Amino acid sequence: MQRFKRFIGEKVISENFTNPEKLSTYGIDCKKLPESLDEFDEIELSVGSPDEVLLAVAVLEGKIKRIM
């Protein structure tokens, strides 16, 4: 997960996750997106069609805290 280290601490723009057509052009499907990213929330993303990989992004106060 070293390749995602540069995103830790970055601000999350939730509008980017609410456009499924745009995400699908990158091969990404947003499985779980909370109504608002307040205190501590998780975003679940699915990447790859044949062999699905799930990514959970932990968000603390609007910034990426952890990617699992």
PDB file of N, CA and C in Angstrom:
ATOM      1  N   MET A   1       0.810  -1.196   0.000  1.00  0.00           N
ATOM      2  CA  MET A   1       0.000   0.000   0.000  1.00  0.00           C
ATOM      3  C   MET A   1       0.857   1.266   0.000  1.00  0.00           C
ATOM      4  N   GLN A   2       2.111   1.110  -0.279  1.00  0.00           N
ATOM      5  CA  GLN A   2       3.012   2.261  -0.318  1.00  0.00           C
ATOM      6  C   GLN A   2       2.606   3.266  -1.396  1.00  0.00           C
ATOM      7  N   ARG A   3       2.019   2.772  -2.479  1.00  0.00           N
ATOM      8  CA  ARG A   3       1.668   3.686  -3.572  1.00  0.00           C
ATOM      9  C   ARG A   3       0.571   4.665  -3.188  1.00  0.00           C
ATOM     10  N   PHE A   4      -0.205   4.363  -2.143  1.00  0.00           N
ATOM     11  CA  PHE A   4      -1.275   5.256  -1.711  1.00  0.00           C
ATOM     12  C   PHE A   4      -0.833   6.222  -0.616  1.00  0.00           C
ATOM     13  N   LYS A   5       0.391   6.088  -0.157  1.00  0.00           N
ATOM     14  CA  LYS A   5       0.879   6.915   0.952  1.00  0.00           C
ATOM     15  C   LYS A   5       0.790   8.410   0.657  1.00  0.00           C
ATOM     16  N   ARG A   6       0.969   8.778  -0.582  1.00  0.00           N
ATOM     17  CA  ARG A   6       0.957  10.209  -0.939  1.00  0.00           C
ATOM     18  C   ARG A   6      -0.422  10.844  -0.784  1.00  0.00           C
ATOM     19  N   PHE A   7      -1.480  10.012  -0.708  1.00  0.00           N
ATOM     20  CA  PHE A   7      -2.833  10.542  -0.564  1.00  0.00           C
ATOM     21  C   PHE A   7      -3.248  10.756   0.888  1.00  0.00           C
ATOM     22  N   ILE A   8      -2.491  10.214   1.831  1.00  0.00           N
ATOM     23  CA  ILE A   8      -2.818  10.362   3.248  1.00  0.00           C
ATOM     24  C   ILE A   8      -2.727  11.846   3.621  1.00  0.00           C
ATOM     25  N   GLY A   9      -3.773  12.352   4.255  1.00  0.00           N
ATOM     26  CA  GLY A   9      -3.805  13.755   4.658  1.00  0.00           C
ATOM     27  C   GLY A   9      -4.436  14.681   3.631  1.00  0.00           C
ATOM     28  N   GLU A  10      -4.721  14.159   2.431  1.00  0.00           N
ATOM     29  CA  GLU A  10      -5.341  14.985   1.389  1.00  0.00           C
ATOM     30  C   GLU A  10      -6.826  15.178   1.674  1.00  0.00           C
ATOM     31  N   LYS A  11      -7.347  16.312   1.269  1.00  0.00           N
ATOM     32  CA  LYS A  11      -8.772  16.614   1.450  1.00  0.00           C
ATOM     33  C   LYS A  11      -9.601  15.798   0.464  1.00  0.00           C
ATOM     34  N   VAL A  12     -10.727  15.268   0.937  1.00  0.00           N
ATOM     35  CA  VAL A  12     -11.626  14.479   0.100  1.00  0.00           C
ATOM     36  C   VAL A  12     -12.675  15.397  -0.515  1.00  0.00           C
ATOM     37  N   ILE A  13     -12.836  15.312  -1.819  1.00  0.00           N
ATOM     38  CA  ILE A  13     -13.874  16.063  -2.524  1.00  0.00           C
ATOM     39  C   ILE A  13     -14.981  15.066  -2.842  1.00  0.00           C
ATOM     40  N   SER A  14     -16.028  15.055  -2.022  1.00  0.00           N
ATOM     41  CA  SER A  14     -17.071  14.032  -2.132  1.00  0.00           C
ATOM     42  C   SER A  14     -17.841  14.104  -3.445  1.00  0.00           C
ATOM     43  N   GLU A  15     -17.860  15.253  -4.109  1.00  0.00           N
ATOM     44  CA  GLU A  15     -18.558  15.370  -5.386  1.00  0.00           C
ATOM     45  C   GLU A  15     -17.943  14.451  -6.437  1.00  0.00           C
ATOM     46  N   ASN A  16     -16.651  14.165  -6.313  1.00  0.00           N
ATOM     47  CA  ASN A  16     -15.997  13.279  -7.273  1.00  0.00           C
ATOM     48  C   ASN A  16     -16.503  11.846  -7.161  1.00  0.00           C
ATOM     49  N   PHE A  17     -17.031  11.453  -6.008  1.00  0.00           N
ATOM     50  CA  PHE A  17     -17.515  10.089  -5.808  1.00  0.00           C
ATOM     51  C   PHE A  17     -18.977   9.930  -6.193  1.00  0.00           C
ATOM     52  N   THR A  18     -19.699  11.020  -6.366  1.00  0.00           N
ATOM     53  CA  THR A  18     -21.131  10.939  -6.641  1.00  0.00           C
ATOM     54  C   THR A  18     -21.461  10.898  -8.130  1.00  0.00           C
ATOM     55  N   ASN A  19     -20.460  10.912  -8.995  1.00  0.00           N
ATOM     56  CA  ASN A  19     -20.674  10.847 -10.436  1.00  0.00           C
ATOM     57  C   ASN A  19     -20.257   9.464 -10.935  1.00  0.00           C
ATOM     58  N   PRO A  20     -21.186   8.490 -10.984  1.00  0.00           N
ATOM     59  CA  PRO A  20     -20.819   7.118 -11.349  1.00  0.00           C
ATOM     60  C   PRO A  20     -20.295   6.978 -12.776  1.00  0.00           C
ATOM     61  N   GLU A  21     -20.756   7.814 -13.705  1.00  0.00           N
ATOM     62  CA  GLU A  21     -20.280   7.724 -15.085  1.00  0.00           C
ATOM     63  C   GLU A  21     -18.798   8.078 -15.170  1.00  0.00           C
ATOM     64  N   LYS A  22     -18.411   9.114 -14.461  1.00  0.00           N
ATOM     65  CA  LYS A  22     -17.007   9.531 -14.474  1.00  0.00           C
ATOM     66  C   LYS A  22     -16.127   8.471 -13.814  1.00  0.00           C
ATOM     67  N   LEU A  23     -16.587   7.915 -12.690  1.00  0.00           N
ATOM     68  CA  LEU A  23     -15.813   6.886 -12.007  1.00  0.00           C
ATOM     69  C   LEU A  23     -15.662   5.633 -12.862  1.00  0.00           C
ATOM     70  N   SER A  24     -16.708   5.257 -13.588  1.00  0.00           N
ATOM     71  CA  SER A  24     -16.650   4.036 -14.390  1.00  0.00           C
ATOM     72  C   SER A  24     -15.648   4.154 -15.535  1.00  0.00           C
ATOM     73  N   THR A  25     -15.361   5.369 -16.006  1.00  0.00           N
ATOM     74  CA  THR A  25     -14.347   5.529 -17.049  1.00  0.00           C
ATOM     75  C   THR A  25     -12.960   5.160 -16.535  1.00  0.00           C
ATOM     76  N   TYR A  26     -12.773   5.232 -15.221  1.00  0.00           N
ATOM     77  CA  TYR A  26     -11.508   4.832 -14.608  1.00  0.00           C
ATOM     78  C   TYR A  26     -11.560   3.407 -14.064  1.00  0.00           C
ATOM     79  N   GLY A  27     -12.691   2.713 -14.248  1.00  0.00           N
ATOM     80  CA  GLY A  27     -12.836   1.352 -13.745  1.00  0.00           C
ATOM     81  C   GLY A  27     -13.110   1.295 -12.257  1.00  0.00           C
ATOM     82  N   ILE A  28     -13.681   2.364 -11.704  1.00  0.00           N
ATOM     83  CA  ILE A  28     -13.947   2.454 -10.263  1.00  0.00           C
ATOM     84  C   ILE A  28     -15.451   2.488 -10.029  1.00  0.00           C
ATOM     85  N   ASP A  29     -15.892   1.763  -9.012  1.00  0.00           N
ATOM     86  CA  ASP A  29     -17.299   1.776  -8.614  1.00  0.00           C
ATOM     87  C   ASP A  29     -17.353   2.123  -7.128  1.00  0.00           C
ATOM     88  N   CYS A  30     -18.116   3.136  -6.774  1.00  0.00           N
ATOM     89  CA  CYS A  30     -18.246   3.545  -5.375  1.00  0.00           C
ATOM     90  C   CYS A  30     -19.331   2.707  -4.717  1.00  0.00           C
ATOM     91  N   LYS A  31     -18.934   1.824  -3.791  1.00  0.00           N
ATOM     92  CA  LYS A  31     -19.868   0.915  -3.124  1.00  0.00           C
ATOM     93  C   LYS A  31     -20.572   1.573  -1.946  1.00  0.00           C
ATOM     94  N   LYS A  32     -19.853   2.377  -1.178  1.00  0.00           N
ATOM     95  CA  LYS A  32     -20.439   3.007   0.013  1.00  0.00           C
ATOM     96  C   LYS A  32     -19.915   4.428   0.136  1.00  0.00           C
ATOM     97  N   LEU A  33     -20.852   5.374   0.176  1.00  0.00           N
ATOM     98  CA  LEU A  33     -20.500   6.780   0.354  1.00  0.00           C
ATOM     99  C   LEU A  33     -21.472   7.382   1.350  1.00  0.00           C
ATOM    100  N   PRO A  34     -20.991   7.829   2.505  1.00  0.00           N
ATOM    101  CA  PRO A  34     -21.877   8.449   3.495  1.00  0.00           C
ATOM    102  C   PRO A  34     -22.480   9.750   2.961  1.00  0.00           C
ATOM    103  N   GLU A  35     -23.580  10.158   3.573  1.00  0.00           N
ATOM    104  CA  GLU A  35     -24.242  11.413   3.188  1.00  0.00           C
ATOM    105  C   GLU A  35     -23.286  12.596   3.288  1.00  0.00           C
ATOM    106  N   SER A  36     -22.574  12.678   4.402  1.00  0.00           N
ATOM    107  CA  SER A  36     -21.588  13.746   4.582  1.00  0.00           C
ATOM    108  C   SER A  36     -20.365  13.160   5.268  1.00  0.00           C
ATOM    109  N   LEU A  37     -19.226  13.733   4.982  1.00  0.00           N
ATOM    110  CA  LEU A  37     -17.974  13.264   5.572  1.00  0.00           C
ATOM    111  C   LEU A  37     -17.638  14.154   6.757  1.00  0.00           C
ATOM    112  N   ASP A  38     -18.278  13.887   7.882  1.00  0.00           N
ATOM    113  CA  ASP A  38     -18.119  14.730   9.059  1.00  0.00           C
ATOM    114  C   ASP A  38     -16.891  14.339   9.869  1.00  0.00           C
ATOM    115  N   GLU A  39     -17.116  13.631  10.945  1.00  0.00           N
ATOM    116  CA  GLU A  39     -16.048  13.287  11.881  1.00  0.00           C
ATOM    117  C   GLU A  39     -15.189  12.152  11.333  1.00  0.00           C
ATOM    118  N   PHE A  40     -15.706  10.925  11.412  1.00  0.00           N
ATOM    119  CA  PHE A  40     -14.964   9.761  10.944  1.00  0.00           C
ATOM    120  C   PHE A  40     -15.902   8.903  10.109  1.00  0.00           C
ATOM    121  N   ASP A  41     -15.591   8.724   8.845  1.00  0.00           N
ATOM    122  CA  ASP A  41     -16.421   7.943   7.938  1.00  0.00           C
ATOM    123  C   ASP A  41     -15.531   7.098   7.039  1.00  0.00           C
ATOM    124  N   GLU A  42     -16.168   6.149   6.339  1.00  0.00           N
ATOM    125  CA  GLU A  42     -15.455   5.303   5.390  1.00  0.00           C
ATOM    126  C   GLU A  42     -16.124   5.360   4.032  1.00  0.00           C
ATOM    127  N   ILE A  43     -15.290   5.344   3.005  1.00  0.00           N
ATOM    128  CA  ILE A  43     -15.755   5.251   1.629  1.00  0.00           C
ATOM    129  C   ILE A  43     -15.252   3.910   1.109  1.00  0.00           C
ATOM    130  N   GLU A  44     -16.134   3.123   0.493  1.00  0.00           N
ATOM    131  CA  GLU A  44     -15.729   1.844  -0.079  1.00  0.00           C
ATOM    132  C   GLU A  44     -15.753   1.950  -1.593  1.00  0.00           C
ATOM    133  N   LEU A  45     -14.635   1.573  -2.207  1.00  0.00           N
ATOM    134  CA  LEU A  45     -14.496   1.622  -3.656  1.00  0.00           C
ATOM    135  C   LEU A  45     -14.172   0.235  -4.180  1.00  0.00           C
ATOM    136  N   SER A  46     -14.652  -0.069  -5.368  1.00  0.00           N
ATOM    137  CA  SER A  46     -14.366  -1.329  -6.040  1.00  0.00           C
ATOM    138  C   SER A  46     -13.587  -1.006  -7.306  1.00  0.00           C
ATOM    139  N   VAL A  47     -12.480  -1.709  -7.513  1.00  0.00           N
ATOM    140  CA  VAL A  47     -11.630  -1.463  -8.669  1.00  0.00           C
ATOM    141  C   VAL A  47     -11.430  -2.776  -9.416  1.00  0.00           C
ATOM    142  N   GLY A  48     -11.574  -2.750 -10.715  1.00  0.00           N
ATOM    143  CA  GLY A  48     -11.320  -3.934 -11.534  1.00  0.00           C
ATOM    144  C   GLY A  48     -12.552  -4.788 -11.730  1.00  0.00           C
ATOM    145  N   SER A  49     -12.796  -5.159 -12.985  1.00  0.00           N
ATOM    146  CA  SER A  49     -13.991  -5.936 -13.293  1.00  0.00           C
ATOM    147  C   SER A  49     -13.832  -7.430 -13.046  1.00  0.00           C
ATOM    148  N   PRO A  50     -12.881  -8.111 -13.685  1.00  0.00           N
ATOM    149  CA  PRO A  50     -12.862  -9.567 -13.505  1.00  0.00           C
ATOM    150  C   PRO A  50     -12.459  -9.985 -12.092  1.00  0.00           C
ATOM    151  N   ASP A  51     -11.411  -9.414 -11.567  1.00  0.00           N
ATOM    152  CA  ASP A  51     -10.953  -9.706 -10.205  1.00  0.00           C
ATOM    153  C   ASP A  51     -11.134  -8.448  -9.376  1.00  0.00           C
ATOM    154  N   GLU A  52     -12.271  -8.359  -8.711  1.00  0.00           N
ATOM    155  CA  GLU A  52     -12.631  -7.152  -7.978  1.00  0.00           C
ATOM    156  C   GLU A  52     -11.732  -6.945  -6.759  1.00  0.00           C
ATOM    157  N   VAL A  53     -11.228  -5.741  -6.618  1.00  0.00           N
ATOM    158  CA  VAL A  53     -10.425  -5.347  -5.464  1.00  0.00           C
ATOM    159  C   VAL A  53     -11.199  -4.260  -4.731  1.00  0.00           C
ATOM    160  N   LEU A  54     -11.407  -4.445  -3.436  1.00  0.00           N
ATOM    161  CA  LEU A  54     -12.115  -3.448  -2.642  1.00  0.00           C
ATOM    162  C   LEU A  54     -11.118  -2.583  -1.894  1.00  0.00           C
ATOM    163  N   LEU A  55     -11.351  -1.286  -1.913  1.00  0.00           N
ATOM    164  CA  LEU A  55     -10.542  -0.336  -1.156  1.00  0.00           C
ATOM    165  C   LEU A  55     -11.454   0.384  -0.177  1.00  0.00           C
ATOM    166  N   ALA A  56     -11.041   0.438   1.056  1.00  0.00           N
ATOM    167  CA  ALA A  56     -11.769   1.202   2.067  1.00  0.00           C
ATOM    168  C   ALA A  56     -10.918   2.417   2.409  1.00  0.00           C
ATOM    169  N   VAL A  57     -11.503   3.585   2.286  1.00  0.00           N
ATOM    170  CA  VAL A  57     -10.801   4.835   2.564  1.00  0.00           C
ATOM    171  C   VAL A  57     -11.406   5.427   3.832  1.00  0.00           C
ATOM    172  N   ALA A  58     -10.604   5.503   4.882  1.00  0.00           N
ATOM    173  CA  ALA A  58     -11.058   6.089   6.144  1.00  0.00           C
ATOM    174  C   ALA A  58     -10.816   7.595   6.089  1.00  0.00           C
ATOM    175  N   VAL A  59     -11.873   8.347   6.388  1.00  0.00           N
ATOM    176  CA  VAL A  59     -11.819   9.806   6.313  1.00  0.00           C
ATOM    177  C   VAL A  59     -12.060  10.375   7.704  1.00  0.00           C
ATOM    178  N   LEU A  60     -11.157  11.228   8.151  1.00  0.00           N
ATOM    179  CA  LEU A  60     -11.282  11.891   9.443  1.00  0.00           C
ATOM    180  C   LEU A  60     -11.301  13.390   9.205  1.00  0.00           C
ATOM    181  N   GLU A  61     -12.404  14.018   9.575  1.00  0.00           N
ATOM    182  CA  GLU A  61     -12.576  15.466   9.426  1.00  0.00           C
ATOM    183  C   GLU A  61     -12.310  15.940   7.996  1.00  0.00           C
ATOM    184  N   GLY A  62     -12.813  15.165   7.004  1.00  0.00           N
ATOM    185  CA  GLY A  62     -12.707  15.562   5.610  1.00  0.00           C
ATOM    186  C   GLY A  62     -11.388  15.257   4.932  1.00  0.00           C
ATOM    187  N   LYS A  63     -10.447  14.626   5.634  1.00  0.00           N
ATOM    188  CA  LYS A  63      -9.149  14.294   5.053  1.00  0.00           C
ATOM    189  C   LYS A  63      -8.917  12.791   5.130  1.00  0.00           C
ATOM    190  N   ILE A  64      -8.197  12.259   4.142  1.00  0.00           N
ATOM    191  CA  ILE A  64      -7.905  10.829   4.107  1.00  0.00           C
ATOM    192  C   ILE A  64      -6.961  10.482   5.244  1.00  0.00           C
ATOM    193  N   LYS A  65      -7.389   9.540   6.057  1.00  0.00           N
ATOM    194  CA  LYS A  65      -6.593   9.117   7.207  1.00  0.00           C
ATOM    195  C   LYS A  65      -5.907   7.779   6.940  1.00  0.00           C
ATOM    196  N   ARG A  66      -6.638   6.857   6.250  1.00  0.00           N
ATOM    197  CA  ARG A  66      -6.091   5.519   6.040  1.00  0.00           C
ATOM    198  C   ARG A  66      -6.736   4.921   4.794  1.00  0.00           C
ATOM    199  N   ILE A  67      -5.958   4.139   4.037  1.00  0.00           N
ATOM    200  CA  ILE A  67      -6.470   3.406   2.879  1.00  0.00           C
ATOM    201  C   ILE A  67      -6.162   1.937   3.105  1.00  0.00           C
ATOM    202  N   MET A  68      -7.232   1.133   3.087  1.00  0.00           N
ATOM    203  CA  MET A  68      -7.063  -0.301   3.354  1.00  0.00           C
ATOM    204  C   MET A  68      -7.560  -1.106   2.179  1.00  0.00           C
TER     205      MET A  68
END
